């Protein structure tokens, strides 16, 4: 894969500006008027997972939060402030957690790598690994096992969003976004929707009874 250098970043920016203005001379005037995205996407920091490029989104389409292994920690003020702002101020319609195959954060959790802050950050993934050890240990290929854990992790983080105080307030108000978990197949480029088992969440009282599945 071709590497990009620092000078090319600015050159590409100039080219991008020219392209936008050729198509719409008022592009940046319109962009500066404010944002009204329909989606919040929570993804991994991995440079191979360009969230907006994957879905051919334009500036203003997607509100984005990224961290290693796409974690949704209810004690993380950064994550929770993004969630609160997107739900209560931007009134977004959809929240999508996007995990991916070949995730280094997931692999680090499985390996129990001692890497200071990273070890602490991915500890919830380590817990998921042990909670699902029976299923995962039956997968002989380690890469495939980690990919399955990436799916489990994306679903778990979507569940954390649903459990959050922000979303529970939204459910009580009757106005709330839908929550999804997707996984990016880095080997094919495909986004794969995951099953959140919403019926079980409704039974537990975490989702409204009239929640559309």
N, C-alpha and C. Protein backbone atom coordinates (compact mmCIF):
# COMPACT_ATOMS: atom_id res chain seq x y z
N UNK A 1 0.84 -1.19 0.00
CA UNK A 1 0.00 0.00 0.00
C UNK A 1 0.88 1.25 0.00
N UNK A 2 0.57 2.19 -0.88
CA UNK A 2 1.38 3.40 -1.02
C UNK A 2 1.28 4.26 0.24
N UNK A 3 2.44 4.73 0.71
CA UNK A 3 2.49 5.60 1.89
C UNK A 3 2.35 7.05 1.47
N UNK A 4 1.64 7.82 2.27
CA UNK A 4 1.46 9.24 1.99
C UNK A 4 2.41 10.03 2.88
N UNK A 5 2.97 11.12 2.35
CA UNK A 5 3.87 11.94 3.17
C UNK A 5 3.18 13.23 3.60
N UNK A 6 3.86 13.99 4.44
CA UNK A 6 3.26 15.18 5.03
C UNK A 6 2.87 16.21 3.98
N UNK A 7 3.75 16.44 3.00
CA UNK A 7 3.47 17.43 1.97
C UNK A 7 2.23 17.05 1.17
N UNK A 8 2.07 15.75 0.95
CA UNK A 8 0.92 15.29 0.18
C UNK A 8 -0.40 15.55 0.90
N UNK A 9 -0.36 15.57 2.22
CA UNK A 9 -1.57 15.86 2.98
C UNK A 9 -2.13 17.22 2.60
N UNK A 10 -1.26 18.23 2.57
CA UNK A 10 -1.70 19.58 2.23
C UNK A 10 -2.06 19.70 0.75
N UNK A 11 -1.30 19.00 -0.09
CA UNK A 11 -1.63 19.00 -1.52
C UNK A 11 -3.00 18.36 -1.76
N UNK A 12 -3.25 17.27 -1.07
CA UNK A 12 -4.55 16.61 -1.20
C UNK A 12 -5.68 17.50 -0.71
N UNK A 13 -5.40 18.27 0.35
CA UNK A 13 -6.41 19.19 0.86
C UNK A 13 -6.76 20.25 -0.19
N UNK A 14 -5.74 20.79 -0.84
CA UNK A 14 -5.98 21.79 -1.89
C UNK A 14 -6.77 21.20 -3.04
N UNK A 15 -6.44 19.96 -3.39
CA UNK A 15 -7.16 19.28 -4.48
C UNK A 15 -8.61 19.03 -4.09
N UNK A 16 -8.83 18.66 -2.83
CA UNK A 16 -10.18 18.43 -2.33
C UNK A 16 -11.01 19.71 -2.38
N UNK A 17 -10.40 20.83 -1.98
CA UNK A 17 -11.09 22.12 -2.03
C UNK A 17 -11.49 22.46 -3.46
N UNK A 18 -10.56 22.31 -4.38
CA UNK A 18 -10.86 22.60 -5.79
C UNK A 18 -12.00 21.74 -6.31
N UNK A 19 -11.96 20.46 -5.95
CA UNK A 19 -13.00 19.53 -6.41
C UNK A 19 -14.37 19.93 -5.87
N UNK A 20 -14.44 20.29 -4.60
CA UNK A 20 -15.72 20.68 -4.01
C UNK A 20 -16.26 21.96 -4.63
N UNK A 21 -15.39 22.94 -4.84
CA UNK A 21 -15.83 24.22 -5.39
C UNK A 21 -16.23 24.11 -6.85
N UNK A 22 -15.59 23.20 -7.57
CA UNK A 22 -15.98 22.99 -8.97
C UNK A 22 -17.40 22.44 -9.06
N UNK A 23 -17.73 21.56 -8.13
CA UNK A 23 -19.06 20.95 -8.14
C UNK A 23 -20.11 21.87 -7.53
N UNK A 24 -19.70 22.67 -6.55
CA UNK A 24 -20.64 23.56 -5.87
C UNK A 24 -19.88 24.76 -5.31
N UNK A 25 -19.94 25.91 -5.98
CA UNK A 25 -19.21 27.10 -5.52
C UNK A 25 -19.58 27.55 -4.11
N UNK A 26 -20.78 27.16 -3.64
CA UNK A 26 -21.24 27.57 -2.31
C UNK A 26 -21.01 26.48 -1.26
N UNK A 27 -20.22 25.47 -1.60
CA UNK A 27 -20.07 24.30 -0.73
C UNK A 27 -19.66 24.69 0.69
N UNK A 28 -18.62 25.49 0.83
CA UNK A 28 -18.10 25.82 2.16
C UNK A 28 -18.97 26.85 2.88
N UNK A 29 -19.65 27.68 2.12
CA UNK A 29 -20.62 28.60 2.73
C UNK A 29 -21.74 27.81 3.37
N UNK A 30 -22.23 26.81 2.65
CA UNK A 30 -23.30 25.97 3.18
C UNK A 30 -22.81 25.13 4.35
N UNK A 31 -21.58 24.62 4.25
CA UNK A 31 -21.02 23.78 5.30
C UNK A 31 -20.86 24.55 6.61
N UNK A 32 -20.55 25.83 6.50
CA UNK A 32 -20.27 26.65 7.68
C UNK A 32 -21.53 27.03 8.46
N UNK A 33 -22.70 26.78 7.89
CA UNK A 33 -23.95 27.20 8.53
C UNK A 33 -24.35 26.30 9.69
N UNK A 34 -23.72 25.16 9.83
CA UNK A 34 -24.04 24.28 10.95
C UNK A 34 -24.15 22.83 10.51
N UNK A 35 -24.32 21.96 11.50
CA UNK A 35 -24.40 20.54 11.20
C UNK A 35 -25.73 19.96 11.67
N UNK A 36 -26.19 18.98 10.94
CA UNK A 36 -27.40 18.25 11.31
C UNK A 36 -27.26 16.80 10.84
N UNK A 37 -26.27 16.09 11.38
CA UNK A 37 -26.03 14.71 10.94
C UNK A 37 -27.15 13.78 11.38
N UNK A 38 -27.38 12.76 10.60
CA UNK A 38 -28.40 11.78 10.96
C UNK A 38 -27.84 10.59 11.72
N UNK A 39 -26.51 10.50 11.78
CA UNK A 39 -25.87 9.31 12.34
C UNK A 39 -24.74 9.67 13.30
N UNK A 40 -24.62 8.88 14.35
CA UNK A 40 -23.41 8.85 15.17
C UNK A 40 -22.76 7.50 14.92
N UNK A 41 -21.49 7.51 14.54
CA UNK A 41 -20.74 6.27 14.36
C UNK A 41 -19.61 6.22 15.37
N UNK A 42 -19.50 5.09 16.05
CA UNK A 42 -18.45 4.88 17.04
C UNK A 42 -17.56 3.77 16.52
N UNK A 43 -16.34 4.12 16.16
CA UNK A 43 -15.46 3.15 15.51
C UNK A 43 -14.11 3.04 16.18
N UNK A 44 -13.31 2.15 15.65
CA UNK A 44 -11.95 1.93 16.13
C UNK A 44 -11.01 2.98 15.53
N UNK A 45 -9.93 3.26 16.24
CA UNK A 45 -8.94 4.24 15.76
C UNK A 45 -8.09 3.70 14.62
N UNK A 46 -8.20 2.42 14.32
CA UNK A 46 -7.38 1.79 13.28
C UNK A 46 -7.44 2.58 11.97
N UNK A 47 -6.27 2.90 11.43
CA UNK A 47 -6.18 3.73 10.22
C UNK A 47 -6.76 3.05 8.98
N UNK A 48 -6.98 1.75 9.06
CA UNK A 48 -7.53 1.01 7.92
C UNK A 48 -9.05 1.01 7.89
N UNK A 49 -9.66 1.71 8.85
CA UNK A 49 -11.12 1.73 8.93
C UNK A 49 -11.60 3.17 8.79
N UNK A 50 -11.59 3.71 7.57
CA UNK A 50 -12.01 5.10 7.33
C UNK A 50 -13.53 5.20 7.27
N UNK A 51 -14.15 5.49 8.39
CA UNK A 51 -15.60 5.36 8.51
C UNK A 51 -16.39 6.10 7.43
N UNK A 52 -16.02 7.34 7.16
CA UNK A 52 -16.80 8.09 6.16
C UNK A 52 -16.58 7.55 4.75
N UNK A 53 -15.36 7.11 4.46
CA UNK A 53 -15.07 6.58 3.12
C UNK A 53 -15.81 5.27 2.86
N UNK A 54 -15.98 4.47 3.89
CA UNK A 54 -16.63 3.16 3.74
C UNK A 54 -18.05 3.28 3.20
N UNK A 55 -18.71 4.38 3.54
CA UNK A 55 -20.11 4.56 3.15
C UNK A 55 -20.29 5.75 2.21
N UNK A 56 -19.17 6.26 1.70
CA UNK A 56 -19.19 7.38 0.76
C UNK A 56 -19.96 8.57 1.33
N UNK A 57 -19.72 8.86 2.63
CA UNK A 57 -20.40 9.97 3.29
C UNK A 57 -19.69 11.28 2.99
N UNK A 58 -20.47 12.36 3.02
CA UNK A 58 -19.94 13.71 2.83
C UNK A 58 -19.76 14.39 4.18
N UNK A 59 -19.03 15.49 4.18
CA UNK A 59 -18.90 16.30 5.40
C UNK A 59 -20.29 16.71 5.88
N UNK A 60 -20.53 16.53 7.17
CA UNK A 60 -21.83 16.88 7.74
C UNK A 60 -22.80 15.72 7.85
N UNK A 61 -22.47 14.58 7.25
CA UNK A 61 -23.38 13.43 7.28
C UNK A 61 -23.28 12.64 8.58
N UNK A 62 -22.06 12.52 9.11
CA UNK A 62 -21.80 11.59 10.22
C UNK A 62 -21.10 12.29 11.37
N UNK A 63 -21.63 12.13 12.58
CA UNK A 63 -20.95 12.56 13.80
C UNK A 63 -20.13 11.35 14.25
N UNK A 64 -18.85 11.54 14.54
CA UNK A 64 -17.95 10.39 14.72
C UNK A 64 -17.19 10.45 16.04
N UNK A 65 -17.08 9.28 16.68
CA UNK A 65 -16.21 9.11 17.84
C UNK A 65 -15.40 7.85 17.61
N UNK A 66 -14.08 7.92 17.87
CA UNK A 66 -13.22 6.77 17.64
C UNK A 66 -12.28 6.56 18.82
N UNK A 67 -12.01 5.31 19.11
CA UNK A 67 -11.00 4.95 20.10
C UNK A 67 -10.54 3.52 19.81
N UNK A 68 -9.52 3.06 20.51
CA UNK A 68 -9.01 1.71 20.29
C UNK A 68 -10.08 0.67 20.65
N UNK A 69 -10.39 -0.19 19.69
CA UNK A 69 -11.36 -1.29 19.85
C UNK A 69 -12.79 -0.80 20.06
N UNK A 70 -13.09 0.40 19.57
CA UNK A 70 -14.46 0.96 19.59
C UNK A 70 -15.20 0.70 20.91
N UNK A 71 -14.58 1.17 21.99
CA UNK A 71 -15.14 0.94 23.32
C UNK A 71 -16.18 2.00 23.71
N UNK A 72 -17.23 1.54 24.40
CA UNK A 72 -18.23 2.44 24.98
C UNK A 72 -18.22 2.20 26.48
N UNK A 73 -17.40 2.99 27.16
CA UNK A 73 -17.26 2.87 28.61
C UNK A 73 -18.14 3.93 29.26
N UNK A 74 -19.06 3.50 30.10
CA UNK A 74 -20.02 4.44 30.70
C UNK A 74 -19.36 5.41 31.66
N UNK A 75 -18.10 5.17 32.03
CA UNK A 75 -17.36 6.09 32.89
C UNK A 75 -16.42 6.99 32.10
N UNK A 76 -16.44 6.87 30.80
CA UNK A 76 -15.57 7.66 29.92
C UNK A 76 -16.30 8.96 29.56
N UNK A 77 -15.87 10.08 30.15
CA UNK A 77 -16.54 11.36 29.91
C UNK A 77 -16.48 11.78 28.44
N UNK A 78 -15.40 11.44 27.78
CA UNK A 78 -15.27 11.76 26.36
C UNK A 78 -16.39 11.08 25.57
N UNK A 79 -16.51 9.77 25.75
CA UNK A 79 -17.54 9.00 25.05
C UNK A 79 -18.94 9.46 25.44
N UNK A 80 -19.18 9.64 26.71
CA UNK A 80 -20.52 9.99 27.17
C UNK A 80 -20.93 11.40 26.74
N UNK A 81 -19.96 12.31 26.66
CA UNK A 81 -20.30 13.67 26.20
C UNK A 81 -20.65 13.66 24.72
N UNK A 82 -19.95 12.83 23.94
CA UNK A 82 -20.28 12.69 22.52
C UNK A 82 -21.69 12.12 22.37
N UNK A 83 -22.00 11.10 23.16
CA UNK A 83 -23.31 10.47 23.10
C UNK A 83 -24.41 11.45 23.51
N UNK A 84 -24.20 12.16 24.61
CA UNK A 84 -25.20 13.12 25.08
C UNK A 84 -25.43 14.23 24.06
N UNK A 85 -24.35 14.77 23.52
CA UNK A 85 -24.48 15.86 22.55
C UNK A 85 -25.22 15.39 21.31
N UNK A 86 -24.88 14.20 20.83
CA UNK A 86 -25.50 13.72 19.59
C UNK A 86 -26.98 13.40 19.78
N UNK A 87 -27.34 12.88 20.95
CA UNK A 87 -28.73 12.49 21.20
C UNK A 87 -29.58 13.69 21.61
N UNK A 88 -29.09 14.51 22.54
CA UNK A 88 -29.91 15.55 23.14
C UNK A 88 -29.82 16.90 22.44
N UNK A 89 -28.79 17.11 21.64
CA UNK A 89 -28.64 18.40 20.95
C UNK A 89 -28.70 18.26 19.43
N UNK A 90 -28.05 17.25 18.89
CA UNK A 90 -28.10 17.05 17.44
C UNK A 90 -29.31 16.24 17.02
N UNK A 91 -29.91 15.52 17.96
CA UNK A 91 -31.11 14.71 17.69
C UNK A 91 -30.89 13.75 16.53
N UNK A 92 -29.76 13.06 16.57
CA UNK A 92 -29.45 12.10 15.51
C UNK A 92 -30.46 10.94 15.56
N UNK A 93 -30.61 10.26 14.42
CA UNK A 93 -31.62 9.21 14.28
C UNK A 93 -31.06 7.80 14.46
N UNK A 94 -29.76 7.64 14.25
CA UNK A 94 -29.16 6.31 14.29
C UNK A 94 -27.78 6.36 14.95
N UNK A 95 -27.51 5.39 15.81
CA UNK A 95 -26.19 5.23 16.42
C UNK A 95 -25.64 3.87 16.00
N UNK A 96 -24.44 3.87 15.43
CA UNK A 96 -23.86 2.63 14.91
C UNK A 96 -22.47 2.41 15.51
N UNK A 97 -22.30 1.32 16.22
CA UNK A 97 -20.97 0.90 16.66
C UNK A 97 -20.36 0.08 15.53
N UNK A 98 -19.16 0.47 15.10
CA UNK A 98 -18.51 -0.23 13.99
C UNK A 98 -17.21 -0.86 14.48
N UNK A 99 -17.24 -2.17 14.66
CA UNK A 99 -16.01 -2.91 14.94
C UNK A 99 -15.39 -3.35 13.63
N UNK A 100 -14.31 -4.10 13.71
CA UNK A 100 -13.70 -4.58 12.46
C UNK A 100 -12.87 -5.83 12.69
N UNK A 101 -12.78 -6.63 11.65
CA UNK A 101 -11.92 -7.80 11.68
C UNK A 101 -10.46 -7.34 11.64
N UNK A 102 -9.57 -8.15 12.18
CA UNK A 102 -8.16 -7.79 12.22
C UNK A 102 -7.86 -6.68 13.19
N UNK A 103 -8.67 -6.55 14.25
CA UNK A 103 -8.51 -5.45 15.22
C UNK A 103 -7.35 -5.74 16.18
N UNK A 104 -6.37 -4.85 16.19
CA UNK A 104 -5.22 -5.01 17.06
C UNK A 104 -5.57 -4.90 18.53
N UNK A 105 -6.55 -4.06 18.85
CA UNK A 105 -6.98 -3.93 20.24
C UNK A 105 -7.60 -5.20 20.77
N UNK A 106 -8.40 -5.85 19.94
CA UNK A 106 -9.00 -7.13 20.33
C UNK A 106 -7.92 -8.19 20.49
N UNK A 107 -6.98 -8.24 19.56
CA UNK A 107 -5.89 -9.22 19.65
C UNK A 107 -5.05 -8.99 20.90
N UNK A 108 -4.81 -7.72 21.25
CA UNK A 108 -4.03 -7.40 22.45
C UNK A 108 -4.74 -7.89 23.71
N UNK A 109 -6.07 -7.77 23.71
CA UNK A 109 -6.84 -8.24 24.86
C UNK A 109 -6.74 -9.76 25.00
N UNK A 110 -6.81 -10.46 23.87
CA UNK A 110 -6.71 -11.92 23.88
C UNK A 110 -5.33 -12.37 24.35
N UNK A 111 -4.30 -11.68 23.88
CA UNK A 111 -2.92 -12.04 24.22
C UNK A 111 -2.52 -11.63 25.62
N UNK A 112 -3.32 -10.75 26.24
CA UNK A 112 -2.97 -10.25 27.56
C UNK A 112 -1.69 -9.43 27.54
N UNK A 113 -1.52 -8.66 26.46
CA UNK A 113 -0.29 -7.88 26.29
C UNK A 113 -0.21 -6.79 27.35
N UNK A 114 0.96 -6.68 27.97
CA UNK A 114 1.18 -5.66 29.00
C UNK A 114 1.71 -4.40 28.33
N UNK A 115 0.81 -3.47 28.02
CA UNK A 115 1.20 -2.25 27.33
C UNK A 115 0.65 -1.01 28.04
N UNK A 116 0.76 -0.99 29.35
CA UNK A 116 0.38 0.17 30.11
C UNK A 116 -1.08 0.55 29.96
N UNK A 117 -1.34 1.75 29.47
CA UNK A 117 -2.70 2.26 29.34
C UNK A 117 -3.54 1.41 28.39
N UNK A 118 -2.91 0.88 27.35
CA UNK A 118 -3.66 0.06 26.39
C UNK A 118 -4.20 -1.19 27.07
N UNK A 119 -3.39 -1.79 27.93
CA UNK A 119 -3.84 -2.98 28.66
C UNK A 119 -5.10 -2.68 29.46
N UNK A 120 -5.09 -1.53 30.14
CA UNK A 120 -6.26 -1.13 30.93
C UNK A 120 -7.45 -0.83 30.02
N UNK A 121 -7.18 -0.16 28.90
CA UNK A 121 -8.26 0.26 28.01
C UNK A 121 -9.01 -0.93 27.42
N UNK A 122 -8.29 -1.97 27.03
CA UNK A 122 -8.94 -3.12 26.38
C UNK A 122 -9.35 -4.20 27.38
N UNK A 123 -9.24 -3.92 28.67
CA UNK A 123 -9.63 -4.93 29.66
C UNK A 123 -11.09 -5.37 29.53
N UNK A 124 -12.03 -4.48 29.12
CA UNK A 124 -13.40 -4.97 28.90
C UNK A 124 -13.48 -6.03 27.80
N UNK A 125 -12.62 -5.92 26.79
CA UNK A 125 -12.59 -6.93 25.73
C UNK A 125 -12.04 -8.24 26.29
N UNK A 126 -11.05 -8.14 27.17
CA UNK A 126 -10.50 -9.33 27.84
C UNK A 126 -11.60 -10.03 28.64
N UNK A 127 -12.45 -9.25 29.30
CA UNK A 127 -13.57 -9.82 30.05
C UNK A 127 -14.55 -10.51 29.12
N UNK A 128 -14.84 -9.89 27.97
CA UNK A 128 -15.73 -10.51 26.99
C UNK A 128 -15.16 -11.83 26.48
N UNK A 129 -13.85 -11.84 26.31
CA UNK A 129 -13.16 -13.06 25.86
C UNK A 129 -13.42 -14.21 26.83
N UNK A 130 -13.28 -13.93 28.12
CA UNK A 130 -13.47 -14.98 29.12
C UNK A 130 -14.94 -15.33 29.31
N UNK A 131 -15.82 -14.37 29.14
CA UNK A 131 -17.26 -14.65 29.23
C UNK A 131 -17.74 -15.56 28.11
N UNK A 132 -17.04 -15.52 26.98
CA UNK A 132 -17.43 -16.30 25.81
C UNK A 132 -16.39 -17.35 25.45
N UNK A 133 -15.61 -17.78 26.44
CA UNK A 133 -14.47 -18.65 26.19
C UNK A 133 -14.87 -19.99 25.57
N UNK A 134 -16.04 -20.51 25.95
CA UNK A 134 -16.46 -21.81 25.41
C UNK A 134 -16.65 -21.74 23.90
N UNK A 135 -17.37 -20.71 23.44
CA UNK A 135 -17.56 -20.54 22.00
C UNK A 135 -16.25 -20.23 21.29
N UNK A 136 -15.48 -19.32 21.85
CA UNK A 136 -14.26 -18.85 21.18
C UNK A 136 -13.17 -19.92 21.14
N UNK A 137 -13.05 -20.70 22.20
CA UNK A 137 -12.00 -21.72 22.23
C UNK A 137 -12.25 -22.83 21.23
N UNK A 138 -13.48 -22.93 20.73
CA UNK A 138 -13.80 -23.95 19.72
C UNK A 138 -13.34 -23.54 18.33
N UNK A 139 -12.95 -22.27 18.17
CA UNK A 139 -12.47 -21.77 16.88
C UNK A 139 -10.96 -21.95 16.85
N UNK A 140 -10.49 -22.86 16.02
CA UNK A 140 -9.08 -23.25 16.02
C UNK A 140 -8.16 -22.15 15.48
N UNK A 141 -8.60 -21.46 14.44
CA UNK A 141 -7.78 -20.41 13.83
C UNK A 141 -7.84 -19.15 14.70
N UNK A 142 -6.68 -18.69 15.18
CA UNK A 142 -6.67 -17.56 16.11
C UNK A 142 -7.22 -16.29 15.48
N UNK A 143 -6.87 -16.01 14.23
CA UNK A 143 -7.37 -14.80 13.57
C UNK A 143 -8.90 -14.82 13.48
N UNK A 144 -9.45 -15.98 13.12
CA UNK A 144 -10.91 -16.09 13.02
C UNK A 144 -11.56 -15.98 14.40
N UNK A 145 -10.87 -16.51 15.40
CA UNK A 145 -11.38 -16.39 16.76
C UNK A 145 -11.42 -14.93 17.19
N UNK A 146 -10.37 -14.18 16.89
CA UNK A 146 -10.33 -12.75 17.22
C UNK A 146 -11.40 -11.99 16.43
N UNK A 147 -11.64 -12.40 15.19
CA UNK A 147 -12.68 -11.74 14.40
C UNK A 147 -14.06 -11.98 15.01
N UNK A 148 -14.29 -13.18 15.50
CA UNK A 148 -15.56 -13.45 16.18
C UNK A 148 -15.66 -12.62 17.45
N UNK A 149 -14.57 -12.47 18.17
CA UNK A 149 -14.58 -11.63 19.37
C UNK A 149 -14.84 -10.17 19.00
N UNK A 150 -14.39 -9.74 17.84
CA UNK A 150 -14.68 -8.38 17.37
C UNK A 150 -16.18 -8.19 17.18
N UNK A 151 -16.86 -9.23 16.69
CA UNK A 151 -18.32 -9.17 16.55
C UNK A 151 -18.98 -9.08 17.91
N UNK A 152 -18.55 -9.94 18.83
CA UNK A 152 -19.11 -9.94 20.19
C UNK A 152 -18.87 -8.59 20.85
N UNK A 153 -17.69 -8.03 20.65
CA UNK A 153 -17.35 -6.73 21.23
C UNK A 153 -18.23 -5.62 20.68
N UNK A 154 -18.46 -5.60 19.37
CA UNK A 154 -19.31 -4.56 18.78
C UNK A 154 -20.72 -4.62 19.35
N UNK A 155 -21.24 -5.83 19.50
CA UNK A 155 -22.57 -6.01 20.08
C UNK A 155 -22.60 -5.54 21.53
N UNK A 156 -21.57 -5.89 22.30
CA UNK A 156 -21.51 -5.49 23.71
C UNK A 156 -21.45 -3.98 23.86
N UNK A 157 -20.72 -3.30 22.98
CA UNK A 157 -20.62 -1.85 23.07
C UNK A 157 -21.95 -1.18 22.68
N UNK A 158 -22.65 -1.77 21.72
CA UNK A 158 -23.99 -1.27 21.38
C UNK A 158 -24.93 -1.43 22.57
N UNK A 159 -24.81 -2.55 23.27
CA UNK A 159 -25.61 -2.76 24.48
C UNK A 159 -25.27 -1.72 25.55
N UNK A 160 -23.99 -1.37 25.66
CA UNK A 160 -23.59 -0.34 26.62
C UNK A 160 -24.24 1.00 26.29
N UNK A 161 -24.33 1.32 25.02
CA UNK A 161 -25.02 2.55 24.62
C UNK A 161 -26.46 2.52 25.08
N UNK A 162 -27.13 1.40 24.83
CA UNK A 162 -28.53 1.25 25.22
C UNK A 162 -28.70 1.40 26.73
N UNK A 163 -27.76 0.87 27.50
CA UNK A 163 -27.83 0.93 28.96
C UNK A 163 -27.48 2.30 29.54
N UNK A 164 -26.88 3.16 28.75
CA UNK A 164 -26.37 4.44 29.25
C UNK A 164 -27.49 5.34 29.76
N UNK A 165 -27.21 6.19 30.76
CA UNK A 165 -28.21 7.13 31.25
C UNK A 165 -28.77 8.03 30.14
N UNK A 166 -27.93 8.41 29.20
CA UNK A 166 -28.38 9.26 28.08
C UNK A 166 -29.50 8.58 27.31
N UNK A 167 -29.28 7.32 26.94
CA UNK A 167 -30.28 6.61 26.15
C UNK A 167 -31.50 6.24 26.98
N UNK A 168 -31.32 5.92 28.24
CA UNK A 168 -32.47 5.59 29.08
C UNK A 168 -33.38 6.80 29.25
N UNK A 169 -32.79 7.99 29.34
CA UNK A 169 -33.61 9.21 29.37
C UNK A 169 -34.36 9.38 28.05
N UNK A 170 -33.67 9.11 26.96
CA UNK A 170 -34.28 9.26 25.64
C UNK A 170 -35.44 8.28 25.47
N UNK A 171 -35.28 7.05 25.94
CA UNK A 171 -36.36 6.07 25.82
C UNK A 171 -37.59 6.51 26.61
N UNK A 172 -37.38 7.09 27.78
CA UNK A 172 -38.50 7.57 28.59
C UNK A 172 -39.21 8.74 27.93
N UNK A 173 -38.47 9.54 27.17
CA UNK A 173 -39.06 10.69 26.50
C UNK A 173 -39.87 10.30 25.27
N UNK A 174 -39.60 9.10 24.75
CA UNK A 174 -40.29 8.65 23.54
C UNK A 174 -39.62 9.08 22.26
N UNK A 175 -38.56 9.87 22.37
CA UNK A 175 -37.82 10.32 21.18
C UNK A 175 -36.37 9.83 21.32
N UNK A 176 -36.02 8.88 20.49
CA UNK A 176 -34.70 8.26 20.65
C UNK A 176 -34.19 7.71 19.33
N UNK A 177 -32.87 7.63 19.19
CA UNK A 177 -32.28 7.03 17.99
C UNK A 177 -32.25 5.51 18.10
N UNK A 178 -32.20 4.85 16.97
CA UNK A 178 -32.01 3.39 16.94
C UNK A 178 -30.52 3.10 17.09
N UNK A 179 -30.21 1.97 17.69
CA UNK A 179 -28.82 1.57 17.93
C UNK A 179 -28.51 0.30 17.14
N UNK A 180 -27.32 0.27 16.54
CA UNK A 180 -26.92 -0.86 15.71
C UNK A 180 -25.46 -1.23 16.01
N UNK A 181 -25.09 -2.44 15.65
CA UNK A 181 -23.69 -2.87 15.67
C UNK A 181 -23.35 -3.44 14.30
N UNK A 182 -22.30 -2.92 13.71
CA UNK A 182 -21.80 -3.43 12.43
C UNK A 182 -20.34 -3.85 12.63
N UNK A 183 -19.88 -4.71 11.75
CA UNK A 183 -18.46 -5.07 11.73
C UNK A 183 -17.94 -4.91 10.31
N UNK A 184 -16.81 -4.22 10.19
CA UNK A 184 -16.17 -4.01 8.90
C UNK A 184 -15.27 -5.21 8.60
N UNK A 185 -15.59 -5.91 7.52
CA UNK A 185 -14.75 -7.03 7.08
C UNK A 185 -13.57 -6.46 6.31
N UNK A 186 -12.44 -6.39 6.96
CA UNK A 186 -11.26 -5.74 6.37
C UNK A 186 -10.71 -6.54 5.19
N UNK A 187 -11.14 -7.78 5.06
CA UNK A 187 -10.67 -8.63 3.96
C UNK A 187 -11.48 -8.43 2.68
N UNK A 188 -12.70 -7.92 2.82
CA UNK A 188 -13.57 -7.74 1.65
C UNK A 188 -14.09 -6.32 1.49
N UNK A 189 -14.03 -5.51 2.56
CA UNK A 189 -14.57 -4.15 2.52
C UNK A 189 -16.03 -4.06 2.92
N UNK A 190 -16.66 -5.18 3.21
CA UNK A 190 -18.09 -5.20 3.50
C UNK A 190 -18.39 -4.86 4.96
N UNK A 191 -19.48 -4.12 5.17
CA UNK A 191 -20.00 -3.86 6.51
C UNK A 191 -21.06 -4.90 6.82
N UNK A 192 -20.92 -5.58 7.96
CA UNK A 192 -21.79 -6.70 8.29
C UNK A 192 -22.62 -6.36 9.54
N UNK A 193 -23.94 -6.18 9.40
CA UNK A 193 -24.79 -5.91 10.56
C UNK A 193 -24.80 -7.11 11.52
N UNK A 194 -24.83 -6.81 12.81
CA UNK A 194 -24.86 -7.83 13.86
C UNK A 194 -26.23 -7.84 14.55
N UNK A 195 -26.56 -8.96 15.14
CA UNK A 195 -27.84 -9.12 15.84
C UNK A 195 -27.70 -8.67 17.29
N UNK A 196 -28.45 -7.65 17.68
CA UNK A 196 -28.38 -7.14 19.05
C UNK A 196 -29.32 -7.87 20.00
N UNK A 197 -30.16 -8.77 19.48
CA UNK A 197 -31.13 -9.49 20.30
C UNK A 197 -32.02 -8.51 21.07
N UNK A 198 -32.64 -7.60 20.31
CA UNK A 198 -33.46 -6.55 20.92
C UNK A 198 -34.63 -7.10 21.73
N UNK A 199 -35.18 -8.24 21.33
CA UNK A 199 -36.31 -8.81 22.07
C UNK A 199 -35.93 -9.10 23.51
N UNK A 200 -34.73 -9.59 23.71
CA UNK A 200 -34.26 -9.87 25.07
C UNK A 200 -34.05 -8.58 25.85
N UNK A 201 -33.57 -7.54 25.17
CA UNK A 201 -33.37 -6.25 25.83
C UNK A 201 -34.71 -5.61 26.21
N UNK A 202 -35.73 -5.84 25.39
CA UNK A 202 -37.07 -5.35 25.73
C UNK A 202 -37.59 -6.06 26.98
N UNK A 203 -37.38 -7.39 27.05
CA UNK A 203 -37.80 -8.17 28.22
C UNK A 203 -37.13 -7.68 29.49
N UNK A 204 -35.87 -7.25 29.36
CA UNK A 204 -35.11 -6.77 30.52
C UNK A 204 -35.45 -5.33 30.88
N UNK A 205 -36.28 -4.69 30.07
CA UNK A 205 -36.67 -3.31 30.34
C UNK A 205 -35.66 -2.28 29.90
N UNK A 206 -34.67 -2.70 29.12
CA UNK A 206 -33.64 -1.77 28.64
C UNK A 206 -34.08 -1.04 27.37
N UNK A 207 -35.03 -1.61 26.66
CA UNK A 207 -35.62 -0.97 25.48
C UNK A 207 -37.12 -0.84 25.69
N UNK A 208 -37.74 0.20 25.13
CA UNK A 208 -39.20 0.36 25.27
C UNK A 208 -39.95 -0.82 24.63
N UNK A 209 -41.12 -1.11 25.14
CA UNK A 209 -41.91 -2.22 24.62
C UNK A 209 -42.31 -2.01 23.16
N UNK A 210 -42.43 -0.74 22.75
CA UNK A 210 -42.83 -0.45 21.37
C UNK A 210 -41.63 -0.23 20.45
N UNK A 211 -40.44 -0.62 20.90
CA UNK A 211 -39.23 -0.45 20.09
C UNK A 211 -39.35 -1.27 18.82
N UNK A 212 -39.14 -0.63 17.67
CA UNK A 212 -39.23 -1.32 16.39
C UNK A 212 -37.95 -2.10 16.12
N UNK A 213 -38.10 -3.38 15.84
CA UNK A 213 -36.95 -4.25 15.56
C UNK A 213 -36.80 -4.44 14.06
